Structures are given as structure tokens and as C-alpha cells.
Amino acid sequence: MGSKAVVSVYLIISLCAAIFVTRGVAQMQNPQAIPGLFPPGLVPIDLVKCWSSLFTVQGCVLAISNSFFSGKFENVEAACCKVFSTLDANCWPHMFPLNPFFPPLLKENCARIIPNSPAHN
């Protein structure tokens, strides 16, 4: 085997090992299962709970992701806006860590679509 092939094999094995070890460690740790481990207010945000309500509306996650990448909000429908408006604001920085300005923009756009929807707090 050439040196490039050996390096490639080692790289693939290392990546696979890193993926499986990280996955196993993530499944083993459940900080909310140990009462008193985190002080009140510092409990880690559960991203599954944050995103799960958006998955209940068909096409909502796709519309939001398209808006995130394009900056255009015309495909976000009222049902999606209603669900997004009910999300806890503490979820937003964890759901959109690369663009903290996106959730307030989406919430503001949703306030136009649903007039009685509260604007960003």
C-alpha cells in the first residue's frame, strides 16, 4: 500500500472511532436525571424539545431553514409562525447559534403574518 492509502485508512478509522465514541458519551450523559446537579436557571436547553414543536407543522422546518439561508420569509406560513412564536426564547441561541439575529427577524415577520402574535421580547 502506498503512503496515501495508509493515511486514508487511518483517517477513516479515526473519524469512525470519534463518531462512535462521541455518540456513546452523549447517550451516557443525562444531566437532568441527576437532581441538584445544575442550579436553577442553568439547566441545559434540550434542543430536541426546542425543535420538536416545529416538526409538528408540515413543512415548517424546511420553510424556516430556507428563510435562514436566503433571508426571505415569504414561505413561512401562519401555522409555522404560530408554533415559532410559542417557542421559549432561551431555545433560540441554541437553535441558531451561527446567526443570533435570525430568530428576532423571524419573530418580527411572524408578527406581521399573525397580527396578535407578540413581537420579540
PDB file of N, CA and C in Angstrom:
ATOM      1  N   MET A   1       0.838  -1.186   0.000  1.00  0.00           N
ATOM      2  CA  MET A   1       0.000   0.000   0.000  1.00  0.00           C
ATOM      3  C   MET A   1       0.877   1.241   0.000  1.00  0.00           C
ATOM      4  N   GLY A   2       0.413   2.235  -0.725  1.00  0.00           N
ATOM      5  CA  GLY A   2       1.147   3.488  -0.757  1.00  0.00           C
ATOM      6  C   GLY A   2       0.909   4.277   0.519  1.00  0.00           C
ATOM      7  N   SER A   3       1.728   5.266   0.733  1.00  0.00           N
ATOM      8  CA  SER A   3       1.603   6.066   1.955  1.00  0.00           C
ATOM      9  C   SER A   3       0.282   6.840   1.993  1.00  0.00           C
ATOM     10  N   LYS A   4      -0.235   7.254   0.838  1.00  0.00           N
ATOM     11  CA  LYS A   4      -1.515   7.960   0.812  1.00  0.00           C
ATOM     12  C   LYS A   4      -2.653   7.030   1.216  1.00  0.00           C
ATOM     13  N   ALA A   5      -2.598   5.796   0.785  1.00  0.00           N
ATOM     14  CA  ALA A   5      -3.636   4.827   1.127  1.00  0.00           C
ATOM     15  C   ALA A   5      -3.616   4.532   2.623  1.00  0.00           C
ATOM     16  N   VAL A   6      -2.432   4.405   3.198  1.00  0.00           N
ATOM     17  CA  VAL A   6      -2.321   4.134   4.633  1.00  0.00           C
ATOM     18  C   VAL A   6      -2.863   5.309   5.441  1.00  0.00           C
ATOM     19  N   VAL A   7      -2.510   6.506   5.031  1.00  0.00           N
ATOM     20  CA  VAL A   7      -3.000   7.697   5.717  1.00  0.00           C
ATOM     21  C   VAL A   7      -4.523   7.781   5.599  1.00  0.00           C
ATOM     22  N   SER A   8      -5.055   7.467   4.431  1.00  0.00           N
ATOM     23  CA  SER A   8      -6.509   7.497   4.230  1.00  0.00           C
ATOM     24  C   SER A   8      -7.211   6.492   5.118  1.00  0.00           C
ATOM     25  N   VAL A   9      -6.668   5.283   5.234  1.00  0.00           N
ATOM     26  CA  VAL A   9      -7.265   4.252   6.083  1.00  0.00           C
ATOM     27  C   VAL A   9      -7.237   4.693   7.543  1.00  0.00           C
ATOM     28  N   TYR A  10      -6.129   5.228   8.004  1.00  0.00           N
ATOM     29  CA  TYR A  10      -6.038   5.711   9.383  1.00  0.00           C
ATOM     30  C   TYR A  10      -7.011   6.861   9.639  1.00  0.00           C
ATOM     31  N   LEU A  11      -7.148   7.742   8.668  1.00  0.00           N
ATOM     32  CA  LEU A  11      -8.072   8.863   8.808  1.00  0.00           C
ATOM     33  C   LEU A  11      -9.514   8.373   8.912  1.00  0.00           C
ATOM     34  N   ILE A  12      -9.889   7.429   8.083  1.00  0.00           N
ATOM     35  CA  ILE A  12     -11.251   6.886   8.118  1.00  0.00           C
ATOM     36  C   ILE A  12     -11.508   6.170   9.437  1.00  0.00           C
ATOM     37  N   ILE A  13     -10.566   5.388   9.893  1.00  0.00           N
ATOM     38  CA  ILE A  13     -10.719   4.684  11.178  1.00  0.00           C
ATOM     39  C   ILE A  13     -10.826   5.684  12.324  1.00  0.00           C
ATOM     40  N   SER A  14     -10.014   6.736  12.289  1.00  0.00           N
ATOM     41  CA  SER A  14     -10.064   7.754  13.348  1.00  0.00           C
ATOM     42  C   SER A  14     -11.398   8.480  13.361  1.00  0.00           C
ATOM     43  N   LEU A  15     -11.900   8.835  12.187  1.00  0.00           N
ATOM     44  CA  LEU A  15     -13.187   9.518  12.117  1.00  0.00           C
ATOM     45  C   LEU A  15     -14.326   8.633  12.625  1.00  0.00           C
ATOM     46  N   CYS A  16     -14.309   7.370  12.227  1.00  0.00           N
ATOM     47  CA  CYS A  16     -15.343   6.446  12.702  1.00  0.00           C
ATOM     48  C   CYS A  16     -15.280   6.281  14.218  1.00  0.00           C
ATOM     49  N   ALA A  17     -14.081   6.147  14.737  1.00  0.00           N
ATOM     50  CA  ALA A  17     -13.925   5.997  16.187  1.00  0.00           C
ATOM     51  C   ALA A  17     -14.412   7.245  16.908  1.00  0.00           C
ATOM     52  N   ALA A  18     -14.085   8.410  16.380  1.00  0.00           N
ATOM     53  CA  ALA A  18     -14.526   9.664  17.017  1.00  0.00           C
ATOM     54  C   ALA A  18     -16.043   9.784  16.999  1.00  0.00           C
ATOM     55  N   ILE A  19     -16.666   9.394  15.915  1.00  0.00           N
ATOM     56  CA  ILE A  19     -18.122   9.474  15.821  1.00  0.00           C
ATOM     57  C   ILE A  19     -18.772   8.532  16.827  1.00  0.00           C
ATOM     58  N   PHE A  20     -18.304   7.289  16.895  1.00  0.00           N
ATOM     59  CA  PHE A  20     -18.932   6.321  17.791  1.00  0.00           C
ATOM     60  C   PHE A  20     -18.665   6.637  19.256  1.00  0.00           C
ATOM     61  N   VAL A  21     -17.474   7.094  19.581  1.00  0.00           N
ATOM     62  CA  VAL A  21     -17.165   7.434  20.968  1.00  0.00           C
ATOM     63  C   VAL A  21     -17.986   8.640  21.393  1.00  0.00           C
ATOM     64  N   THR A  22     -18.058   9.671  20.556  1.00  0.00           N
ATOM     65  CA  THR A  22     -18.833  10.855  20.888  1.00  0.00           C
ATOM     66  C   THR A  22     -20.301  10.509  21.049  1.00  0.00           C
ATOM     67  N   ARG A  23     -20.814   9.671  20.174  1.00  0.00           N
ATOM     68  CA  ARG A  23     -22.208   9.263  20.255  1.00  0.00           C
ATOM     69  C   ARG A  23     -22.476   8.489  21.540  1.00  0.00           C
ATOM     70  N   GLY A  24     -21.602   7.592  21.902  1.00  0.00           N
ATOM     71  CA  GLY A  24     -21.780   6.814  23.126  1.00  0.00           C
ATOM     72  C   GLY A  24     -21.707   7.670  24.369  1.00  0.00           C
ATOM     73  N   VAL A  25     -20.785   8.613  24.400  1.00  0.00           N
ATOM     74  CA  VAL A  25     -20.655   9.502  25.551  1.00  0.00           C
ATOM     75  C   VAL A  25     -21.880  10.383  25.676  1.00  0.00           C
ATOM     76  N   ALA A  26     -22.391  10.862  24.545  1.00  0.00           N
ATOM     77  CA  ALA A  26     -23.575  11.721  24.577  1.00  0.00           C
ATOM     78  C   ALA A  26     -24.787  10.961  25.094  1.00  0.00           C
ATOM     79  N   GLN A  27     -24.897   9.682  24.771  1.00  0.00           N
ATOM     80  CA  GLN A  27     -26.026   8.889  25.241  1.00  0.00           C
ATOM     81  C   GLN A  27     -25.893   8.548  26.716  1.00  0.00           C
ATOM     82  N   MET A  28     -24.680   8.458  27.212  1.00  0.00           N
ATOM     83  CA  MET A  28     -24.476   8.106  28.615  1.00  0.00           C
ATOM     84  C   MET A  28     -24.787   9.273  29.538  1.00  0.00           C
ATOM     85  N   GLN A  29     -24.532  10.484  29.088  1.00  0.00           N
ATOM     86  CA  GLN A  29     -24.713  11.642  29.945  1.00  0.00           C
ATOM     87  C   GLN A  29     -26.157  12.119  29.873  1.00  0.00           C
ATOM     88  N   ASN A  30     -26.785  12.208  31.011  1.00  0.00           N
ATOM     89  CA  ASN A  30     -28.136  12.749  31.103  1.00  0.00           C
ATOM     90  C   ASN A  30     -28.174  13.638  32.335  1.00  0.00           C
ATOM     91  N   PRO A  31     -27.770  14.907  32.185  1.00  0.00           N
ATOM     92  CA  PRO A  31     -27.636  15.779  33.347  1.00  0.00           C
ATOM     93  C   PRO A  31     -28.949  16.042  34.061  1.00  0.00           C
ATOM     94  N   GLN A  32     -30.094  15.952  33.360  1.00  0.00           N
ATOM     95  CA  GLN A  32     -31.351  16.235  34.012  1.00  0.00           C
ATOM     96  C   GLN A  32     -31.801  15.069  34.893  1.00  0.00           C
ATOM     97  N   ALA A  33     -31.168  13.901  34.738  1.00  0.00           N
ATOM     98  CA  ALA A  33     -31.546  12.746  35.535  1.00  0.00           C
ATOM     99  C   ALA A  33     -30.963  12.814  36.948  1.00  0.00           C
ATOM    100  N   ILE A  34     -30.013  13.697  37.168  1.00  0.00           N
ATOM    101  CA  ILE A  34     -29.381  13.820  38.472  1.00  0.00           C
ATOM    102  C   ILE A  34     -29.883  15.105  39.123  1.00  0.00           C
ATOM    103  N   PRO A  35     -30.844  15.016  40.047  1.00  0.00           N
ATOM    104  CA  PRO A  35     -31.384  16.229  40.654  1.00  0.00           C
ATOM    105  C   PRO A  35     -30.321  16.986  41.438  1.00  0.00           C
ATOM    106  N   GLY A  36     -30.380  18.302  41.328  1.00  0.00           N
ATOM    107  CA  GLY A  36     -29.467  19.141  42.081  1.00  0.00           C
ATOM    108  C   GLY A  36     -28.113  19.322  41.435  1.00  0.00           C
ATOM    109  N   LEU A  37     -27.901  18.720  40.271  1.00  0.00           N
ATOM    110  CA  LEU A  37     -26.605  18.847  39.614  1.00  0.00           C
ATOM    111  C   LEU A  37     -26.395  20.257  39.084  1.00  0.00           C
ATOM    112  N   PHE A  38     -27.448  20.850  38.516  1.00  0.00           N
ATOM    113  CA  PHE A  38     -27.359  22.211  37.995  1.00  0.00           C
ATOM    114  C   PHE A  38     -28.208  23.133  38.849  1.00  0.00           C
ATOM    115  N   PRO A  39     -27.707  24.331  39.141  1.00  0.00           N
ATOM    116  CA  PRO A  39     -28.526  25.296  39.870  1.00  0.00           C
ATOM    117  C   PRO A  39     -29.728  25.709  39.012  1.00  0.00           C
ATOM    118  N   PRO A  40     -30.802  26.189  39.641  1.00  0.00           N
ATOM    119  CA  PRO A  40     -31.967  26.627  38.866  1.00  0.00           C
ATOM    120  C   PRO A  40     -31.578  27.689  37.853  1.00  0.00           C
ATOM    121  N   GLY A  41     -32.119  27.568  36.652  1.00  0.00           N
ATOM    122  CA  GLY A  41     -31.813  28.511  35.586  1.00  0.00           C
ATOM    123  C   GLY A  41     -30.620  28.123  34.740  1.00  0.00           C
ATOM    124  N   LEU A  42     -29.822  27.164  35.186  1.00  0.00           N
ATOM    125  CA  LEU A  42     -28.649  26.746  34.427  1.00  0.00           C
ATOM    126  C   LEU A  42     -28.804  25.351  33.842  1.00  0.00           C
ATOM    127  N   VAL A  43     -30.013  24.824  33.832  1.00  0.00           N
ATOM    128  CA  VAL A  43     -30.252  23.514  33.248  1.00  0.00           C
ATOM    129  C   VAL A  43     -30.051  23.637  31.743  1.00  0.00           C
ATOM    130  N   PRO A  44     -29.300  22.723  31.147  1.00  0.00           N
ATOM    131  CA  PRO A  44     -29.052  22.837  29.713  1.00  0.00           C
ATOM    132  C   PRO A  44     -30.351  22.768  28.909  1.00  0.00           C
ATOM    133  N   ILE A  45     -30.383  23.504  27.824  1.00  0.00           N
ATOM    134  CA  ILE A  45     -31.544  23.521  26.940  1.00  0.00           C
ATOM    135  C   ILE A  45     -31.592  22.210  26.170  1.00  0.00           C
ATOM    136  N   ASP A  46     -32.771  21.606  26.097  1.00  0.00           N
ATOM    137  CA  ASP A  46     -32.961  20.378  25.339  1.00  0.00           C
ATOM    138  C   ASP A  46     -33.363  20.764  23.914  1.00  0.00           C
ATOM    139  N   LEU A  47     -32.425  20.635  22.980  1.00  0.00           N
ATOM    140  CA  LEU A  47     -32.691  21.040  21.609  1.00  0.00           C
ATOM    141  C   LEU A  47     -33.782  20.212  20.959  1.00  0.00           C
ATOM    142  N   VAL A  48     -33.933  18.975  21.379  1.00  0.00           N
ATOM    143  CA  VAL A  48     -34.997  18.143  20.818  1.00  0.00           C
ATOM    144  C   VAL A  48     -36.354  18.756  21.146  1.00  0.00           C
ATOM    145  N   LYS A  49     -36.520  19.210  22.379  1.00  0.00           N
ATOM    146  CA  LYS A  49     -37.777  19.859  22.762  1.00  0.00           C
ATOM    147  C   LYS A  49     -37.966  21.165  21.998  1.00  0.00           C
ATOM    148  N   CYS A  50     -36.883  21.896  21.787  1.00  0.00           N
ATOM    149  CA  CYS A  50     -36.978  23.165  21.071  1.00  0.00           C
ATOM    150  C   CYS A  50     -37.445  22.950  19.630  1.00  0.00           C
ATOM    151  N   TRP A  51     -36.875  21.954  18.966  1.00  0.00           N
ATOM    152  CA  TRP A  51     -37.208  21.715  17.563  1.00  0.00           C
ATOM    153  C   TRP A  51     -38.480  20.893  17.381  1.00  0.00           C
ATOM    154  N   SER A  52     -38.858  20.095  18.362  1.00  0.00           N
ATOM    155  CA  SER A  52     -39.959  19.146  18.163  1.00  0.00           C
ATOM    156  C   SER A  52     -41.276  19.828  17.827  1.00  0.00           C
ATOM    157  N   SER A  53     -41.561  20.966  18.414  1.00  0.00           N
ATOM    158  CA  SER A  53     -42.828  21.635  18.111  1.00  0.00           C
ATOM    159  C   SER A  53     -42.853  22.135  16.670  1.00  0.00           C
ATOM    160  N   LEU A  54     -41.696  22.491  16.115  1.00  0.00           N
ATOM    161  CA  LEU A  54     -41.653  22.936  14.725  1.00  0.00           C
ATOM    162  C   LEU A  54     -41.918  21.786  13.763  1.00  0.00           C
ATOM    163  N   PHE A  55     -41.558  20.564  14.175  1.00  0.00           N
ATOM    164  CA  PHE A  55     -41.792  19.402  13.324  1.00  0.00           C
ATOM    165  C   PHE A  55     -43.263  19.002  13.286  1.00  0.00           C
ATOM    166  N   THR A  56     -44.078  19.517  14.205  1.00  0.00           N
ATOM    167  CA  THR A  56     -45.494  19.163  14.202  1.00  0.00           C
ATOM    168  C   THR A  56     -46.247  19.831  13.057  1.00  0.00           C
ATOM    169  N   VAL A  57     -45.722  20.913  12.510  1.00  0.00           N
ATOM    170  CA  VAL A  57     -46.345  21.596  11.378  1.00  0.00           C
ATOM    171  C   VAL A  57     -45.601  21.187  10.116  1.00  0.00           C
ATOM    172  N   GLN A  58     -46.323  20.595   9.189  1.00  0.00           N
ATOM    173  CA  GLN A  58     -45.703  20.092   7.967  1.00  0.00           C
ATOM    174  C   GLN A  58     -45.043  21.219   7.176  1.00  0.00           C
ATOM    175  N   GLY A  59     -43.764  21.035   6.851  1.00  0.00           N
ATOM    176  CA  GLY A  59     -43.014  21.994   6.060  1.00  0.00           C
ATOM    177  C   GLY A  59     -42.449  23.169   6.833  1.00  0.00           C
ATOM    178  N   CYS A  60     -42.704  23.224   8.125  1.00  0.00           N
ATOM    179  CA  CYS A  60     -42.263  24.371   8.920  1.00  0.00           C
ATOM    180  C   CYS A  60     -40.739  24.433   9.022  1.00  0.00           C
ATOM    181  N   VAL A  61     -40.115  23.314   9.325  1.00  0.00           N
ATOM    182  CA  VAL A  61     -38.653  23.309   9.480  1.00  0.00           C
ATOM    183  C   VAL A  61     -37.989  23.649   8.149  1.00  0.00           C
ATOM    184  N   LEU A  62     -38.531  23.133   7.065  1.00  0.00           N
ATOM    185  CA  LEU A  62     -37.974  23.436   5.745  1.00  0.00           C
ATOM    186  C   LEU A  62     -38.133  24.925   5.422  1.00  0.00           C
ATOM    187  N   ALA A  63     -39.298  25.481   5.713  1.00  0.00           N
ATOM    188  CA  ALA A  63     -39.523  26.907   5.452  1.00  0.00           C
ATOM    189  C   ALA A  63     -38.592  27.775   6.286  1.00  0.00           C
ATOM    190  N   ILE A  64     -38.405  27.408   7.547  1.00  0.00           N
ATOM    191  CA  ILE A  64     -37.513  28.186   8.413  1.00  0.00           C
ATOM    192  C   ILE A  64     -36.070  28.057   7.954  1.00  0.00           C
ATOM    193  N   SER A  65     -35.659  26.851   7.574  1.00  0.00           N
ATOM    194  CA  SER A  65     -34.271  26.697   7.120  1.00  0.00           C
ATOM    195  C   SER A  65     -34.044  27.438   5.801  1.00  0.00           C
ATOM    196  N   ASN A  66     -35.034  27.425   4.902  1.00  0.00           N
ATOM    197  CA  ASN A  66     -34.896  28.203   3.666  1.00  0.00           C
ATOM    198  C   ASN A  66     -34.796  29.691   3.975  1.00  0.00           C
ATOM    199  N   SER A  67     -35.574  30.159   4.930  1.00  0.00           N
ATOM    200  CA  SER A  67     -35.512  31.564   5.336  1.00  0.00           C
ATOM    201  C   SER A  67     -34.165  31.891   5.959  1.00  0.00           C
ATOM    202  N   PHE A  68     -33.653  30.965   6.731  1.00  0.00           N
ATOM    203  CA  PHE A  68     -32.363  31.165   7.399  1.00  0.00           C
ATOM    204  C   PHE A  68     -31.264  31.380   6.364  1.00  0.00           C
ATOM    205  N   PHE A  69     -31.264  30.558   5.307  1.00  0.00           N
ATOM    206  CA  PHE A  69     -30.193  30.643   4.318  1.00  0.00           C
ATOM    207  C   PHE A  69     -30.422  31.723   3.269  1.00  0.00           C
ATOM    208  N   SER A  70     -31.692  32.056   2.985  1.00  0.00           N
ATOM    209  CA  SER A  70     -31.965  33.041   1.941  1.00  0.00           C
ATOM    210  C   SER A  70     -32.222  34.443   2.487  1.00  0.00           C
ATOM    211  N   GLY A  71     -32.678  34.535   3.733  1.00  0.00           N
ATOM    212  CA  GLY A  71     -33.026  35.824   4.304  1.00  0.00           C
ATOM    213  C   GLY A  71     -34.405  36.296   3.877  1.00  0.00           C
ATOM    214  N   LYS A  72     -35.156  35.426   3.196  1.00  0.00           N
ATOM    215  CA  LYS A  72     -36.502  35.769   2.735  1.00  0.00           C
ATOM    216  C   LYS A  72     -37.518  34.960   3.531  1.00  0.00           C
ATOM    217  N   PHE A  73     -38.577  35.621   3.964  1.00  0.00           N
ATOM    218  CA  PHE A  73     -39.534  34.996   4.870  1.00  0.00           C
ATOM    219  C   PHE A  73     -40.892  34.695   4.227  1.00  0.00           C
ATOM    220  N   GLU A  74     -41.013  34.850   2.894  1.00  0.00           N
ATOM    221  CA  GLU A  74     -42.326  34.709   2.271  1.00  0.00           C
ATOM    222  C   GLU A  74     -42.882  33.284   2.306  1.00  0.00           C
ATOM    223  N   ASN A  75     -42.048  32.272   2.500  1.00  0.00           N
ATOM    224  CA  ASN A  75     -42.530  30.884   2.527  1.00  0.00           C
ATOM    225  C   ASN A  75     -42.956  30.420   3.910  1.00  0.00           C
ATOM    226  N   VAL A  76     -42.751  31.232   4.919  1.00  0.00           N
ATOM    227  CA  VAL A  76     -43.145  30.855   6.278  1.00  0.00           C
ATOM    228  C   VAL A  76     -44.630  31.171   6.428  1.00  0.00           C
ATOM    229  N   GLU A  77     -45.409  30.130   6.685  1.00  0.00           N
ATOM    230  CA  GLU A  77     -46.864  30.290   6.762  1.00  0.00           C
ATOM    231  C   GLU A  77     -47.324  30.584   8.181  1.00  0.00           C
ATOM    232  N   ALA A  78     -48.591  30.916   8.301  1.00  0.00           N
ATOM    233  CA  ALA A  78     -49.163  31.318   9.589  1.00  0.00           C
ATOM    234  C   ALA A  78     -49.058  30.209  10.638  1.00  0.00           C
ATOM    235  N   ALA A  79     -49.317  28.962  10.252  1.00  0.00           N
ATOM    236  CA  ALA A  79     -49.251  27.857  11.220  1.00  0.00           C
ATOM    237  C   ALA A  79     -47.834  27.708  11.771  1.00  0.00           C
ATOM    238  N   CYS A  80     -46.861  27.866  10.909  1.00  0.00           N
ATOM    239  CA  CYS A  80     -45.457  27.786  11.332  1.00  0.00           C
ATOM    240  C   CYS A  80     -45.115  28.960  12.241  1.00  0.00           C
ATOM    241  N   CYS A  81     -45.592  30.134  11.892  1.00  0.00           N
ATOM    242  CA  CYS A  81     -45.345  31.316  12.718  1.00  0.00           C
ATOM    243  C   CYS A  81     -45.965  31.164  14.100  1.00  0.00           C
ATOM    244  N   LYS A  82     -47.145  30.588  14.145  1.00  0.00           N
ATOM    245  CA  LYS A  82     -47.826  30.408  15.424  1.00  0.00           C
ATOM    246  C   LYS A  82     -47.007  29.501  16.346  1.00  0.00           C
ATOM    247  N   VAL A  83     -46.467  28.415  15.774  1.00  0.00           N
ATOM    248  CA  VAL A  83     -45.650  27.497  16.576  1.00  0.00           C
ATOM    249  C   VAL A  83     -44.338  28.164  16.967  1.00  0.00           C
ATOM    250  N   PHE A  84     -43.698  28.858  16.035  1.00  0.00           N
ATOM    251  CA  PHE A  84     -42.424  29.514  16.329  1.00  0.00           C
ATOM    252  C   PHE A  84     -42.598  30.573  17.413  1.00  0.00           C
ATOM    253  N   SER A  85     -43.721  31.271  17.390  1.00  0.00           N
ATOM    254  CA  SER A  85     -43.970  32.323  18.368  1.00  0.00           C
ATOM    255  C   SER A  85     -44.137  31.781  19.779  1.00  0.00           C
ATOM    256  N   THR A  86     -44.478  30.494  19.906  1.00  0.00           N
ATOM    257  CA  THR A  86     -44.662  29.909  21.230  1.00  0.00           C
ATOM    258  C   THR A  86     -43.375  29.320  21.797  1.00  0.00           C
ATOM    259  N   LEU A  87     -42.309  29.272  20.990  1.00  0.00           N
ATOM    260  CA  LEU A  87     -41.044  28.719  21.485  1.00  0.00           C
ATOM    261  C   LEU A  87     -40.468  29.593  22.587  1.00  0.00           C
ATOM    262  N   ASP A  88     -39.804  28.937  23.511  1.00  0.00           N
ATOM    263  CA  ASP A  88     -39.105  29.646  24.578  1.00  0.00           C
ATOM    264  C   ASP A  88     -37.931  30.411  23.969  1.00  0.00           C
ATOM    265  N   ALA A  89     -37.801  31.667  24.280  1.00  0.00           N
ATOM    266  CA  ALA A  89     -36.713  32.494  23.736  1.00  0.00           C
ATOM    267  C   ALA A  89     -35.339  31.956  24.127  1.00  0.00           C
ATOM    268  N   ASN A  90     -35.256  31.139  25.180  1.00  0.00           N
ATOM    269  CA  ASN A  90     -33.975  30.545  25.571  1.00  0.00           C
ATOM    270  C   ASN A  90     -33.519  29.488  24.572  1.00  0.00           C
ATOM    271  N   CYS A  91     -34.436  28.968  23.770  1.00  0.00           N
ATOM    272  CA  CYS A  91     -34.079  27.978  22.745  1.00  0.00           C
ATOM    273  C   CYS A  91     -33.350  28.627  21.576  1.00  0.00           C
ATOM    274  N   TRP A  92     -33.695  29.863  21.262  1.00  0.00           N
ATOM    275  CA  TRP A  92     -33.213  30.492  20.040  1.00  0.00           C
ATOM    276  C   TRP A  92     -31.698  30.517  19.888  1.00  0.00           C
ATOM    277  N   PRO A  93     -30.936  30.906  20.903  1.00  0.00           N
ATOM    278  CA  PRO A  93     -29.476  30.928  20.710  1.00  0.00           C
ATOM    279  C   PRO A  93     -28.899  29.537  20.464  1.00  0.00           C
ATOM    280  N   HIS A  94     -29.576  28.511  20.955  1.00  0.00           N
ATOM    281  CA  HIS A  94     -29.083  27.148  20.766  1.00  0.00           C
ATOM    282  C   HIS A  94     -29.548  26.568  19.438  1.00  0.00           C
ATOM    283  N   MET A  95     -30.686  27.023  18.946  1.00  0.00           N
ATOM    284  CA  MET A  95     -31.200  26.548  17.669  1.00  0.00           C
ATOM    285  C   MET A  95     -30.490  27.231  16.497  1.00  0.00           C
ATOM    286  N   PHE A  96     -30.119  28.472  16.674  1.00  0.00           N
ATOM    287  CA  PHE A  96     -29.487  29.250  15.608  1.00  0.00           C
ATOM    288  C   PHE A  96     -28.199  29.886  16.134  1.00  0.00           C
ATOM    289  N   PRO A  97     -27.217  29.076  16.502  1.00  0.00           N
ATOM    290  CA  PRO A  97     -26.004  29.640  17.113  1.00  0.00           C
ATOM    291  C   PRO A  97     -25.158  30.461  16.142  1.00  0.00           C
ATOM    292  N   LEU A  98     -25.272  30.213  14.851  1.00  0.00           N
ATOM    293  CA  LEU A  98     -24.439  30.934  13.888  1.00  0.00           C
ATOM    294  C   LEU A  98     -25.000  32.295  13.509  1.00  0.00           C
ATOM    295  N   ASN A  99     -26.287  32.518  13.777  1.00  0.00           N
ATOM    296  CA  ASN A  99     -26.895  33.801  13.441  1.00  0.00           C
ATOM    297  C   ASN A  99     -27.897  34.179  14.527  1.00  0.00           C
ATOM    298  N   PRO A 100     -27.452  34.854  15.563  1.00  0.00           N
ATOM    299  CA  PRO A 100     -28.363  35.212  16.655  1.00  0.00           C
ATOM    300  C   PRO A 100     -29.406  36.254  16.261  1.00  0.00           C
ATOM    301  N   PHE A 101     -29.243  36.891  15.104  1.00  0.00           N
ATOM    302  CA  PHE A 101     -30.202  37.900  14.666  1.00  0.00           C
ATOM    303  C   PHE A 101     -31.390  37.295  13.924  1.00  0.00           C
ATOM    304  N   PHE A 102     -31.271  36.029  13.512  1.00  0.00           N
ATOM    305  CA  PHE A 102     -32.336  35.410  12.741  1.00  0.00           C
ATOM    306  C   PHE A 102     -33.635  35.213  13.527  1.00  0.00           C
ATOM    307  N   PRO A 103     -33.620  34.666  14.742  1.00  0.00           N
ATOM    308  CA  PRO A 103     -34.894  34.460  15.450  1.00  0.00           C
ATOM    309  C   PRO A 103     -35.701  35.739  15.663  1.00  0.00           C
ATOM    310  N   PRO A 104     -35.082  36.855  16.075  1.00  0.00           N
ATOM    311  CA  PRO A 104     -35.888  38.071  16.204  1.00  0.00           C
ATOM    312  C   PRO A 104     -36.466  38.549  14.868  1.00  0.00           C
ATOM    313  N   LEU A 105     -35.709  38.364  13.777  1.00  0.00           N
ATOM    314  CA  LEU A 105     -36.225  38.745  12.461  1.00  0.00           C
ATOM    315  C   LEU A 105     -37.423  37.883  12.068  1.00  0.00           C
ATOM    316  N   LEU A 106     -37.314  36.591  12.316  1.00  0.00           N
ATOM    317  CA  LEU A 106     -38.420  35.683  12.011  1.00  0.00           C
ATOM    318  C   LEU A 106     -39.625  35.990  12.881  1.00  0.00           C
ATOM    319  N   LYS A 107     -39.383  36.263  14.137  1.00  0.00           N
ATOM    320  CA  LYS A 107     -40.487  36.592  15.052  1.00  0.00           C
ATOM    321  C   LYS A 107     -41.169  37.892  14.619  1.00  0.00           C
ATOM    322  N   GLU A 108     -40.395  38.864  14.192  1.00  0.00           N
ATOM    323  CA  GLU A 108     -40.959  40.129  13.715  1.00  0.00           C
ATOM    324  C   GLU A 108     -41.789  39.910  12.446  1.00  0.00           C
ATOM    325  N   ASN A 109     -41.277  39.075  11.540  1.00  0.00           N
ATOM    326  CA  ASN A 109     -42.026  38.755  10.333  1.00  0.00           C
ATOM    327  C   ASN A 109     -43.311  38.005  10.681  1.00  0.00           C
ATOM    328  N   CYS A 110     -43.245  37.120  11.637  1.00  0.00           N
ATOM    329  CA  CYS A 110     -44.426  36.376  12.068  1.00  0.00           C
ATOM    330  C   CYS A 110     -45.452  37.301  12.710  1.00  0.00           C
ATOM    331  N   ALA A 111     -45.002  38.344  13.359  1.00  0.00           N
ATOM    332  CA  ALA A 111     -45.932  39.311  13.957  1.00  0.00           C
ATOM    333  C   ALA A 111     -46.733  40.034  12.867  1.00  0.00           C
ATOM    334  N   ARG A 112     -46.156  40.156  11.669  1.00  0.00           N
ATOM    335  CA  ARG A 112     -46.891  40.749  10.548  1.00  0.00           C
ATOM    336  C   ARG A 112     -47.897  39.765   9.968  1.00  0.00           C
ATOM    337  N   ILE A 113     -47.531  38.487   9.950  1.00  0.00           N
ATOM    338  CA  ILE A 113     -48.413  37.451   9.394  1.00  0.00           C
ATOM    339  C   ILE A 113     -49.578  37.186  10.342  1.00  0.00           C
ATOM    340  N   ILE A 114     -49.261  37.078  11.627  1.00  0.00           N
ATOM    341  CA  ILE A 114     -50.283  36.863  12.654  1.00  0.00           C
ATOM    342  C   ILE A 114     -50.328  38.133  13.487  1.00  0.00           C
ATOM    343  N   PRO A 115     -51.281  39.015  13.255  1.00  0.00           N
ATOM    344  CA  PRO A 115     -51.281  40.333  13.898  1.00  0.00           C
ATOM    345  C   PRO A 115     -51.282  40.300  15.424  1.00  0.00           C
ATOM    346  N   ASN A 116     -51.924  39.320  16.047  1.00  0.00           N
ATOM    347  CA  ASN A 116     -51.964  39.284  17.506  1.00  0.00           C
ATOM    348  C   ASN A 116     -50.777  38.560  18.107  1.00  0.00           C
ATOM    349  N   SER A 117     -49.809  38.159  17.274  1.00  0.00           N
ATOM    350  CA  SER A 117     -48.602  37.492  17.749  1.00  0.00           C
ATOM    351  C   SER A 117     -47.684  38.517  18.390  1.00  0.00           C
ATOM    352  N   PRO A 118     -47.128  38.214  19.581  1.00  0.00           N
ATOM    353  CA  PRO A 118     -46.235  39.189  20.221  1.00  0.00           C
ATOM    354  C   PRO A 118     -44.927  39.317  19.469  1.00  0.00           C
ATOM    355  N   ALA A 119     -44.382  40.507  19.416  1.00  0.00           N
ATOM    356  CA  ALA A 119     -43.073  40.729  18.800  1.00  0.00           C
ATOM    357  C   ALA A 119     -42.012  40.206  19.742  1.00  0.00           C
ATOM    358  N   HIS A 120     -40.769  40.188  19.293  1.00  0.00           N
ATOM    359  CA  HIS A 120     -39.661  39.659  20.089  1.00  0.00           C
ATOM    360  C   HIS A 120     -39.554  40.378  21.428  1.00  0.00           C
ATOM    361  N   ASN A 121     -39.384  39.608  22.512  1.00  0.00           N
ATOM    362  CA  ASN A 121     -39.277  40.170  23.866  1.00  0.00           C
ATOM    363  C   ASN A 121     -37.877  40.671  24.092  1.00  0.00           C
TER     364      ASN A 121
END
